[in-house]
Amino acid sequence: MPRNNDDNDELAVWSLFGQTHIPYRILFLGKMLDRLTTTQVKTLADLTLAEWRVIAHLGVMGKKSASEICSAAMLDRAEVSRSVTRLVDRGLLKRSPNPRNKKSQLLSLTAKGTKTYLGVQKHRLGFFGYLTEDLNKKELALLDDFLLRIAKRATRIDDTPETLTKLIEKS
């Protein structure tokens, strides 16, 4: 439910660093969305954000190892491990042997997990629609393209101090 606050204090910091700080704005928006998502998945299915991310990735990707979930979701191994344990205990996930790697197990949604995923995902799609309802299809496609271009450049950066220093020196 939208708040009726035109002078939203959270958005007061949006212009704090100006338009040249687009990554700051992306991070800021990401934190806002994480907070809203945390509340939504807790309310709908009594899940933490990390648990939801595991379920959502398995719902989209199918049977995967915890390591593959970590990579796809950019999540910490320990966070995924704790989430998987809780989700298995709740009957939302099951583990099975991994024929490609005897040291790991494959994770998949149970029938209960699939039902949870589909129920929450339905609400998430409505939430996404609400967030983007001021954008037309062309604007959505452009936004997606712009974000993908930024993401591609970010993936090409080696995050060592030396590389980051060189990037700063080039600017």
N, C-alpha and C. Protein backbone atom coordinates (compact mmCIF):
# COMPACT_ATOMS: atom_id res chain seq x y z
N MET A 1 0.84 -1.18 0.00
CA MET A 1 0.00 0.00 0.00
C MET A 1 0.89 1.24 0.00
N PRO A 2 0.70 2.15 -0.94
CA PRO A 2 1.54 3.34 -1.00
C PRO A 2 1.31 4.27 0.19
N ARG A 3 2.39 4.89 0.60
CA ARG A 3 2.28 5.89 1.66
C ARG A 3 1.81 7.19 1.03
N ASN A 4 1.03 7.96 1.76
CA ASN A 4 0.58 9.27 1.27
C ASN A 4 1.51 10.35 1.81
N ASN A 5 2.70 10.38 1.28
CA ASN A 5 3.69 11.33 1.75
C ASN A 5 4.45 11.87 0.54
N ASP A 6 3.99 13.02 0.03
CA ASP A 6 4.63 13.61 -1.15
C ASP A 6 6.05 14.09 -0.84
N ASP A 7 6.30 14.48 0.39
CA ASP A 7 7.62 14.97 0.79
C ASP A 7 8.39 13.84 1.46
N ASN A 8 8.48 12.70 0.80
CA ASN A 8 9.10 11.52 1.37
C ASN A 8 10.54 11.81 1.80
N ASP A 9 10.80 11.65 3.10
CA ASP A 9 12.13 11.91 3.64
C ASP A 9 13.20 11.04 3.00
N GLU A 10 12.84 9.80 2.64
CA GLU A 10 13.82 8.91 2.01
C GLU A 10 14.34 9.48 0.70
N LEU A 11 13.48 10.14 -0.05
CA LEU A 11 13.90 10.68 -1.34
C LEU A 11 14.63 12.01 -1.22
N ALA A 12 14.65 12.58 -0.03
CA ALA A 12 15.36 13.85 0.16
C ALA A 12 16.85 13.69 -0.14
N VAL A 13 17.39 12.50 0.04
CA VAL A 13 18.82 12.29 -0.22
C VAL A 13 19.10 11.93 -1.67
N TRP A 14 18.06 11.75 -2.48
CA TRP A 14 18.23 11.35 -3.88
C TRP A 14 19.19 12.27 -4.62
N SER A 15 19.06 13.57 -4.42
CA SER A 15 19.88 14.55 -5.13
C SER A 15 21.13 14.96 -4.37
N LEU A 16 21.36 14.32 -3.26
CA LEU A 16 22.47 14.69 -2.40
C LEU A 16 23.80 14.80 -3.14
N PHE A 17 24.11 13.84 -4.00
CA PHE A 17 25.38 13.84 -4.72
C PHE A 17 25.24 14.22 -6.19
N GLY A 18 24.04 14.45 -6.65
CA GLY A 18 23.83 14.87 -8.03
C GLY A 18 23.77 13.72 -9.02
N GLN A 19 23.50 14.09 -10.27
CA GLN A 19 23.30 13.09 -11.32
C GLN A 19 24.56 12.31 -11.69
N THR A 20 25.71 12.82 -11.32
CA THR A 20 26.94 12.09 -11.66
C THR A 20 27.13 10.85 -10.79
N HIS A 21 26.34 10.71 -9.76
CA HIS A 21 26.45 9.57 -8.85
C HIS A 21 25.33 8.56 -9.09
N ILE A 22 25.16 8.15 -10.32
CA ILE A 22 24.13 7.17 -10.68
C ILE A 22 24.31 5.87 -9.88
N PRO A 23 25.54 5.35 -9.71
CA PRO A 23 25.67 4.13 -8.91
C PRO A 23 25.12 4.31 -7.48
N TYR A 24 25.32 5.49 -6.89
CA TYR A 24 24.75 5.75 -5.57
C TYR A 24 23.24 5.64 -5.62
N ARG A 25 22.64 6.20 -6.66
CA ARG A 25 21.18 6.15 -6.78
C ARG A 25 20.69 4.72 -6.99
N ILE A 26 21.44 3.94 -7.75
CA ILE A 26 21.06 2.54 -7.95
C ILE A 26 21.14 1.79 -6.63
N LEU A 27 22.21 2.00 -5.87
CA LEU A 27 22.34 1.36 -4.55
C LEU A 27 21.23 1.80 -3.61
N PHE A 28 20.93 3.08 -3.62
CA PHE A 28 19.88 3.64 -2.76
C PHE A 28 18.54 2.99 -3.10
N LEU A 29 18.21 2.93 -4.38
CA LEU A 29 16.97 2.30 -4.81
C LEU A 29 16.97 0.82 -4.44
N GLY A 30 18.11 0.16 -4.60
CA GLY A 30 18.21 -1.25 -4.23
C GLY A 30 17.92 -1.48 -2.76
N LYS A 31 18.43 -0.61 -1.91
CA LYS A 31 18.16 -0.73 -0.47
C LYS A 31 16.68 -0.51 -0.16
N MET A 32 16.08 0.45 -0.83
CA MET A 32 14.65 0.69 -0.64
C MET A 32 13.86 -0.56 -1.04
N LEU A 33 14.20 -1.13 -2.19
CA LEU A 33 13.49 -2.31 -2.68
C LEU A 33 13.73 -3.52 -1.78
N ASP A 34 14.95 -3.67 -1.26
CA ASP A 34 15.23 -4.76 -0.33
C ASP A 34 14.35 -4.65 0.92
N ARG A 35 14.24 -3.44 1.44
CA ARG A 35 13.43 -3.24 2.64
C ARG A 35 11.97 -3.58 2.37
N LEU A 36 11.44 -3.11 1.25
CA LEU A 36 10.05 -3.40 0.89
C LEU A 36 9.85 -4.90 0.64
N THR A 37 10.80 -5.51 -0.04
CA THR A 37 10.71 -6.95 -0.32
C THR A 37 10.77 -7.75 0.96
N THR A 38 11.64 -7.36 1.88
CA THR A 38 11.75 -8.05 3.17
C THR A 38 10.41 -8.07 3.87
N THR A 39 9.75 -6.92 3.91
CA THR A 39 8.43 -6.84 4.55
C THR A 39 7.42 -7.69 3.80
N GLN A 40 7.44 -7.62 2.48
CA GLN A 40 6.46 -8.36 1.68
C GLN A 40 6.60 -9.87 1.86
N VAL A 41 7.81 -10.41 1.75
CA VAL A 41 7.96 -11.86 1.83
C VAL A 41 7.78 -12.37 3.26
N LYS A 42 8.09 -11.53 4.24
CA LYS A 42 7.84 -11.90 5.65
C LYS A 42 6.34 -12.00 5.89
N THR A 43 5.60 -11.01 5.38
CA THR A 43 4.15 -10.97 5.57
C THR A 43 3.45 -12.09 4.81
N LEU A 44 3.85 -12.33 3.57
CA LEU A 44 3.18 -13.31 2.72
C LEU A 44 3.51 -14.76 3.07
N ALA A 45 4.77 -15.02 3.43
CA ALA A 45 5.18 -16.43 3.58
C ALA A 45 6.11 -16.69 4.76
N ASP A 46 6.27 -15.70 5.64
CA ASP A 46 7.16 -15.84 6.79
C ASP A 46 8.57 -16.26 6.36
N LEU A 47 9.08 -15.58 5.34
CA LEU A 47 10.41 -15.84 4.82
C LEU A 47 11.32 -14.65 5.06
N THR A 48 12.61 -14.91 5.23
CA THR A 48 13.59 -13.83 5.24
C THR A 48 13.89 -13.47 3.79
N LEU A 49 14.56 -12.36 3.58
CA LEU A 49 14.93 -11.96 2.23
C LEU A 49 15.84 -13.01 1.58
N ALA A 50 16.81 -13.52 2.34
CA ALA A 50 17.72 -14.53 1.80
C ALA A 50 16.97 -15.81 1.45
N GLU A 51 16.03 -16.22 2.30
CA GLU A 51 15.23 -17.42 2.00
C GLU A 51 14.42 -17.22 0.73
N TRP A 52 13.82 -16.03 0.59
CA TRP A 52 13.05 -15.76 -0.62
C TRP A 52 13.95 -15.81 -1.85
N ARG A 53 15.14 -15.26 -1.76
CA ARG A 53 16.03 -15.26 -2.92
C ARG A 53 16.41 -16.69 -3.33
N VAL A 54 16.63 -17.55 -2.35
CA VAL A 54 16.92 -18.96 -2.67
C VAL A 54 15.72 -19.58 -3.37
N ILE A 55 14.54 -19.40 -2.80
CA ILE A 55 13.32 -19.96 -3.39
C ILE A 55 13.08 -19.40 -4.80
N ALA A 56 13.22 -18.09 -4.94
CA ALA A 56 12.96 -17.45 -6.24
C ALA A 56 13.92 -17.97 -7.31
N HIS A 57 15.19 -18.10 -6.97
CA HIS A 57 16.15 -18.59 -7.95
C HIS A 57 15.89 -20.05 -8.32
N LEU A 58 15.54 -20.86 -7.34
CA LEU A 58 15.20 -22.25 -7.66
C LEU A 58 13.91 -22.31 -8.47
N GLY A 59 12.97 -21.42 -8.18
CA GLY A 59 11.73 -21.37 -8.94
C GLY A 59 11.95 -21.04 -10.40
N VAL A 60 12.94 -20.22 -10.67
CA VAL A 60 13.24 -19.82 -12.05
C VAL A 60 14.24 -20.77 -12.71
N MET A 61 15.27 -21.18 -11.97
CA MET A 61 16.37 -21.94 -12.54
C MET A 61 16.19 -23.46 -12.44
N GLY A 62 15.31 -23.91 -11.57
CA GLY A 62 15.16 -25.35 -11.36
C GLY A 62 16.22 -25.88 -10.41
N LYS A 63 16.45 -27.16 -10.45
CA LYS A 63 17.36 -27.86 -9.53
C LYS A 63 18.79 -27.32 -9.69
N LYS A 64 19.36 -26.80 -8.59
CA LYS A 64 20.71 -26.23 -8.60
C LYS A 64 21.41 -26.52 -7.28
N SER A 65 22.72 -26.40 -7.28
CA SER A 65 23.50 -26.53 -6.04
C SER A 65 23.48 -25.20 -5.29
N ALA A 66 23.82 -25.26 -4.02
CA ALA A 66 23.89 -24.03 -3.22
C ALA A 66 24.92 -23.07 -3.82
N SER A 67 26.02 -23.60 -4.32
CA SER A 67 27.05 -22.77 -4.94
C SER A 67 26.51 -22.04 -6.17
N GLU A 68 25.72 -22.74 -6.96
CA GLU A 68 25.13 -22.10 -8.15
C GLU A 68 24.14 -21.02 -7.75
N ILE A 69 23.41 -21.23 -6.66
CA ILE A 69 22.48 -20.21 -6.16
C ILE A 69 23.28 -19.00 -5.69
N CYS A 70 24.37 -19.24 -4.96
CA CYS A 70 25.22 -18.13 -4.49
C CYS A 70 25.69 -17.28 -5.66
N SER A 71 26.17 -17.93 -6.70
CA SER A 71 26.67 -17.20 -7.87
C SER A 71 25.57 -16.43 -8.57
N ALA A 72 24.44 -17.08 -8.81
CA ALA A 72 23.35 -16.44 -9.55
C ALA A 72 22.74 -15.27 -8.77
N ALA A 73 22.64 -15.42 -7.45
CA ALA A 73 21.98 -14.39 -6.63
C ALA A 73 22.97 -13.43 -5.99
N MET A 74 24.26 -13.67 -6.19
CA MET A 74 25.31 -12.86 -5.55
C MET A 74 25.10 -12.82 -4.04
N LEU A 75 24.86 -14.01 -3.47
CA LEU A 75 24.64 -14.13 -2.03
C LEU A 75 25.84 -14.79 -1.37
N ASP A 76 26.01 -14.50 -0.10
CA ASP A 76 27.06 -15.07 0.72
C ASP A 76 26.77 -16.55 0.97
N ARG A 77 27.81 -17.39 0.91
CA ARG A 77 27.65 -18.84 1.11
C ARG A 77 27.00 -19.17 2.45
N ALA A 78 27.46 -18.52 3.51
CA ALA A 78 26.91 -18.82 4.84
C ALA A 78 25.43 -18.46 4.91
N GLU A 79 25.06 -17.34 4.30
CA GLU A 79 23.67 -16.91 4.29
C GLU A 79 22.80 -17.92 3.54
N VAL A 80 23.30 -18.41 2.41
CA VAL A 80 22.55 -19.41 1.64
C VAL A 80 22.47 -20.71 2.42
N SER A 81 23.56 -21.12 3.03
CA SER A 81 23.57 -22.36 3.80
C SER A 81 22.54 -22.32 4.93
N ARG A 82 22.51 -21.23 5.68
CA ARG A 82 21.53 -21.09 6.77
C ARG A 82 20.11 -21.09 6.22
N SER A 83 19.91 -20.39 5.11
CA SER A 83 18.58 -20.32 4.50
C SER A 83 18.13 -21.69 4.02
N VAL A 84 19.02 -22.42 3.38
CA VAL A 84 18.68 -23.76 2.88
C VAL A 84 18.29 -24.67 4.03
N THR A 85 19.05 -24.63 5.12
CA THR A 85 18.73 -25.47 6.28
C THR A 85 17.33 -25.16 6.80
N ARG A 86 17.00 -23.88 6.94
CA ARG A 86 15.67 -23.50 7.44
C ARG A 86 14.58 -23.91 6.44
N LEU A 87 14.84 -23.73 5.15
CA LEU A 87 13.83 -24.06 4.14
C LEU A 87 13.60 -25.57 4.04
N VAL A 88 14.66 -26.36 4.19
CA VAL A 88 14.50 -27.82 4.22
C VAL A 88 13.69 -28.21 5.45
N ASP A 89 14.03 -27.62 6.61
CA ASP A 89 13.30 -27.92 7.85
C ASP A 89 11.82 -27.57 7.74
N ARG A 90 11.49 -26.55 6.97
CA ARG A 90 10.09 -26.14 6.78
C ARG A 90 9.39 -26.92 5.67
N GLY A 91 10.12 -27.78 5.01
CA GLY A 91 9.53 -28.59 3.95
C GLY A 91 9.35 -27.86 2.63
N LEU A 92 10.08 -26.76 2.44
CA LEU A 92 9.96 -25.98 1.20
C LEU A 92 11.00 -26.39 0.15
N LEU A 93 12.11 -26.96 0.61
CA LEU A 93 13.18 -27.42 -0.28
C LEU A 93 13.52 -28.86 0.05
N LYS A 94 14.10 -29.53 -0.94
CA LYS A 94 14.66 -30.85 -0.69
C LYS A 94 16.05 -30.91 -1.31
N ARG A 95 16.87 -31.77 -0.73
CA ARG A 95 18.23 -31.99 -1.23
C ARG A 95 18.28 -33.35 -1.93
N SER A 96 19.10 -33.43 -2.96
CA SER A 96 19.32 -34.71 -3.64
C SER A 96 20.78 -34.77 -4.07
N PRO A 97 21.31 -35.98 -4.30
CA PRO A 97 22.71 -36.10 -4.72
C PRO A 97 22.96 -35.35 -6.03
N ASN A 98 24.16 -34.80 -6.12
CA ASN A 98 24.58 -34.09 -7.33
C ASN A 98 25.45 -35.03 -8.16
N PRO A 99 24.96 -35.52 -9.29
CA PRO A 99 25.75 -36.46 -10.09
C PRO A 99 27.02 -35.84 -10.68
N ARG A 100 27.07 -34.52 -10.79
CA ARG A 100 28.25 -33.83 -11.34
C ARG A 100 29.32 -33.58 -10.29
N ASN A 101 28.92 -33.60 -9.01
CA ASN A 101 29.86 -33.27 -7.94
C ASN A 101 29.42 -33.97 -6.67
N LYS A 102 30.15 -35.00 -6.28
CA LYS A 102 29.77 -35.80 -5.11
C LYS A 102 29.84 -35.01 -3.80
N LYS A 103 30.57 -33.90 -3.80
CA LYS A 103 30.72 -33.10 -2.58
C LYS A 103 29.55 -32.16 -2.34
N SER A 104 28.73 -31.94 -3.36
CA SER A 104 27.60 -31.01 -3.19
C SER A 104 26.29 -31.73 -3.43
N GLN A 105 25.22 -31.07 -3.07
CA GLN A 105 23.88 -31.60 -3.28
C GLN A 105 23.11 -30.64 -4.17
N LEU A 106 22.12 -31.18 -4.86
CA LEU A 106 21.23 -30.34 -5.64
C LEU A 106 20.03 -29.98 -4.79
N LEU A 107 19.58 -28.75 -4.94
CA LEU A 107 18.42 -28.25 -4.21
C LEU A 107 17.27 -28.09 -5.18
N SER A 108 16.08 -28.37 -4.70
CA SER A 108 14.90 -28.15 -5.53
C SER A 108 13.72 -27.84 -4.62
N LEU A 109 12.72 -27.19 -5.19
CA LEU A 109 11.52 -26.87 -4.44
C LEU A 109 10.66 -28.13 -4.28
N THR A 110 10.08 -28.28 -3.10
CA THR A 110 9.08 -29.32 -2.89
C THR A 110 7.76 -28.80 -3.45
N ALA A 111 6.72 -29.61 -3.39
CA ALA A 111 5.39 -29.14 -3.83
C ALA A 111 4.98 -27.93 -2.98
N LYS A 112 5.24 -28.01 -1.68
CA LYS A 112 4.92 -26.89 -0.79
C LYS A 112 5.76 -25.67 -1.14
N GLY A 113 7.03 -25.89 -1.47
CA GLY A 113 7.91 -24.79 -1.87
C GLY A 113 7.48 -24.15 -3.17
N THR A 114 7.03 -24.96 -4.12
CA THR A 114 6.54 -24.44 -5.39
C THR A 114 5.28 -23.61 -5.18
N LYS A 115 4.40 -24.10 -4.32
CA LYS A 115 3.17 -23.35 -4.02
C LYS A 115 3.52 -22.01 -3.37
N THR A 116 4.47 -22.02 -2.46
CA THR A 116 4.92 -20.78 -1.80
C THR A 116 5.52 -19.84 -2.84
N TYR A 117 6.41 -20.37 -3.68
CA TYR A 117 7.04 -19.55 -4.72
C TYR A 117 6.00 -18.90 -5.62
N LEU A 118 5.07 -19.68 -6.13
CA LEU A 118 4.06 -19.14 -7.05
C LEU A 118 3.17 -18.11 -6.37
N GLY A 119 2.81 -18.35 -5.11
CA GLY A 119 1.98 -17.40 -4.38
C GLY A 119 2.68 -16.07 -4.15
N VAL A 120 3.92 -16.13 -3.70
CA VAL A 120 4.67 -14.90 -3.45
C VAL A 120 4.99 -14.21 -4.77
N GLN A 121 5.37 -14.98 -5.78
CA GLN A 121 5.74 -14.40 -7.07
C GLN A 121 4.58 -13.63 -7.69
N LYS A 122 3.38 -14.12 -7.51
CA LYS A 122 2.19 -13.41 -8.02
C LYS A 122 2.12 -12.00 -7.41
N HIS A 123 2.36 -11.91 -6.12
CA HIS A 123 2.35 -10.61 -5.44
C HIS A 123 3.54 -9.76 -5.88
N ARG A 124 4.69 -10.41 -6.08
CA ARG A 124 5.89 -9.68 -6.51
C ARG A 124 5.66 -9.04 -7.88
N LEU A 125 5.01 -9.77 -8.79
CA LEU A 125 4.74 -9.22 -10.12
C LEU A 125 3.81 -8.02 -10.03
N GLY A 126 2.84 -8.08 -9.13
CA GLY A 126 1.97 -6.92 -8.90
C GLY A 126 2.76 -5.74 -8.35
N PHE A 127 3.68 -6.03 -7.45
CA PHE A 127 4.56 -5.01 -6.87
C PHE A 127 5.42 -4.38 -7.96
N PHE A 128 6.00 -5.21 -8.83
CA PHE A 128 6.83 -4.68 -9.92
C PHE A 128 5.99 -3.80 -10.84
N GLY A 129 4.77 -4.23 -11.10
CA GLY A 129 3.86 -3.44 -11.94
C GLY A 129 3.58 -2.09 -11.32
N TYR A 130 3.35 -2.07 -10.01
CA TYR A 130 3.10 -0.81 -9.31
C TYR A 130 4.32 0.11 -9.44
N LEU A 131 5.50 -0.44 -9.21
CA LEU A 131 6.72 0.38 -9.26
C LEU A 131 6.96 1.01 -10.63
N THR A 132 6.58 0.31 -11.67
CA THR A 132 6.91 0.76 -13.02
C THR A 132 5.70 1.30 -13.79
N GLU A 133 4.59 1.50 -13.12
CA GLU A 133 3.38 1.90 -13.86
C GLU A 133 3.49 3.28 -14.51
N ASP A 134 4.42 4.11 -14.08
CA ASP A 134 4.61 5.42 -14.70
C ASP A 134 5.48 5.36 -15.96
N LEU A 135 5.98 4.17 -16.29
CA LEU A 135 6.83 4.00 -17.46
C LEU A 135 6.08 3.22 -18.53
N ASN A 136 6.21 3.67 -19.79
CA ASN A 136 5.59 2.90 -20.87
C ASN A 136 6.54 1.78 -21.29
N LYS A 137 6.10 0.94 -22.22
CA LYS A 137 6.90 -0.22 -22.63
C LYS A 137 8.26 0.18 -23.20
N LYS A 138 8.28 1.26 -23.97
CA LYS A 138 9.54 1.72 -24.55
C LYS A 138 10.49 2.19 -23.45
N GLU A 139 9.96 2.93 -22.48
CA GLU A 139 10.79 3.42 -21.37
C GLU A 139 11.32 2.25 -20.53
N LEU A 140 10.48 1.25 -20.30
CA LEU A 140 10.92 0.07 -19.56
C LEU A 140 12.05 -0.64 -20.29
N ALA A 141 11.91 -0.78 -21.60
CA ALA A 141 12.95 -1.42 -22.41
C ALA A 141 14.24 -0.61 -22.36
N LEU A 142 14.13 0.71 -22.43
CA LEU A 142 15.32 1.57 -22.34
C LEU A 142 15.97 1.46 -20.97
N LEU A 143 15.17 1.49 -19.93
CA LEU A 143 15.71 1.37 -18.57
C LEU A 143 16.45 0.05 -18.43
N ASP A 144 15.85 -1.03 -18.89
CA ASP A 144 16.48 -2.34 -18.82
C ASP A 144 17.80 -2.34 -19.59
N ASP A 145 17.80 -1.74 -20.76
CA ASP A 145 19.02 -1.66 -21.58
C ASP A 145 20.10 -0.85 -20.87
N PHE A 146 19.73 0.29 -20.30
CA PHE A 146 20.71 1.13 -19.60
C PHE A 146 21.32 0.40 -18.41
N LEU A 147 20.46 -0.25 -17.62
CA LEU A 147 20.96 -0.98 -16.46
C LEU A 147 21.86 -2.14 -16.88
N LEU A 148 21.50 -2.83 -17.96
CA LEU A 148 22.33 -3.93 -18.45
C LEU A 148 23.69 -3.42 -18.90
N ARG A 149 23.73 -2.28 -19.56
CA ARG A 149 25.01 -1.73 -20.01
C ARG A 149 25.91 -1.41 -18.81
N ILE A 150 25.33 -0.82 -17.78
CA ILE A 150 26.10 -0.51 -16.57
C ILE A 150 26.58 -1.80 -15.92
N ALA A 151 25.70 -2.80 -15.84
CA ALA A 151 26.08 -4.09 -15.24
C ALA A 151 27.21 -4.76 -16.02
N LYS A 152 27.15 -4.70 -17.33
CA LYS A 152 28.21 -5.31 -18.15
C LYS A 152 29.56 -4.64 -17.89
N ARG A 153 29.56 -3.33 -17.78
CA ARG A 153 30.82 -2.63 -17.49
C ARG A 153 31.32 -3.00 -16.10
N ALA A 154 30.41 -3.09 -15.15
CA ALA A 154 30.80 -3.44 -13.78
C ALA A 154 31.40 -4.84 -13.72
N THR A 155 30.88 -5.78 -14.51
CA THR A 155 31.43 -7.15 -14.48
C THR A 155 32.82 -7.23 -15.09
N ARG A 156 33.19 -6.24 -15.88
CA ARG A 156 34.52 -6.24 -16.49
C ARG A 156 35.59 -5.66 -15.56
N ILE A 157 35.17 -5.15 -14.41
CA ILE A 157 36.13 -4.53 -13.49
C ILE A 157 36.63 -5.57 -12.49
N ASP A 158 37.94 -5.70 -12.43
CA ASP A 158 38.58 -6.52 -11.42
C ASP A 158 38.59 -5.67 -10.15
N ASP A 159 38.00 -6.16 -9.07
CA ASP A 159 37.82 -5.30 -7.89
C ASP A 159 39.02 -5.28 -6.94
N THR A 160 40.21 -5.42 -7.48
CA THR A 160 41.40 -5.27 -6.66
C THR A 160 41.68 -3.78 -6.46
N PRO A 161 42.35 -3.42 -5.37
CA PRO A 161 42.67 -2.01 -5.14
C PRO A 161 43.46 -1.38 -6.29
N GLU A 162 44.36 -2.15 -6.90
CA GLU A 162 45.18 -1.61 -8.00
C GLU A 162 44.30 -1.23 -9.19
N THR A 163 43.40 -2.11 -9.55
CA THR A 163 42.52 -1.84 -10.69
C THR A 163 41.62 -0.66 -10.41
N LEU A 164 41.06 -0.62 -9.21
CA LEU A 164 40.17 0.49 -8.87
C LEU A 164 40.93 1.81 -8.86
N THR A 165 42.17 1.79 -8.40
CA THR A 165 43.00 3.00 -8.41
C THR A 165 43.25 3.46 -9.84
N LYS A 166 43.52 2.51 -10.75
CA LYS A 166 43.73 2.86 -12.16
C LYS A 166 42.49 3.50 -12.76
N LEU A 167 41.32 2.98 -12.42
CA LEU A 167 40.07 3.57 -12.92
C LEU A 167 39.92 5.00 -12.44
N ILE A 168 40.27 5.24 -11.19
CA ILE A 168 40.16 6.59 -10.63
C ILE A 168 41.14 7.52 -11.34
N GLU A 169 42.34 7.04 -11.60
CA GLU A 169 43.36 7.86 -12.26
C GLU A 169 42.96 8.20 -13.70
N LYS A 170 42.22 7.32 -14.37
CA LYS A 170 41.77 7.57 -15.74
C LYS A 170 40.71 8.65 -15.80
N SER A 171 39.95 8.81 -14.73
CA SER A 171 38.83 9.77 -14.74
C SER A 171 39.30 11.20 -14.78
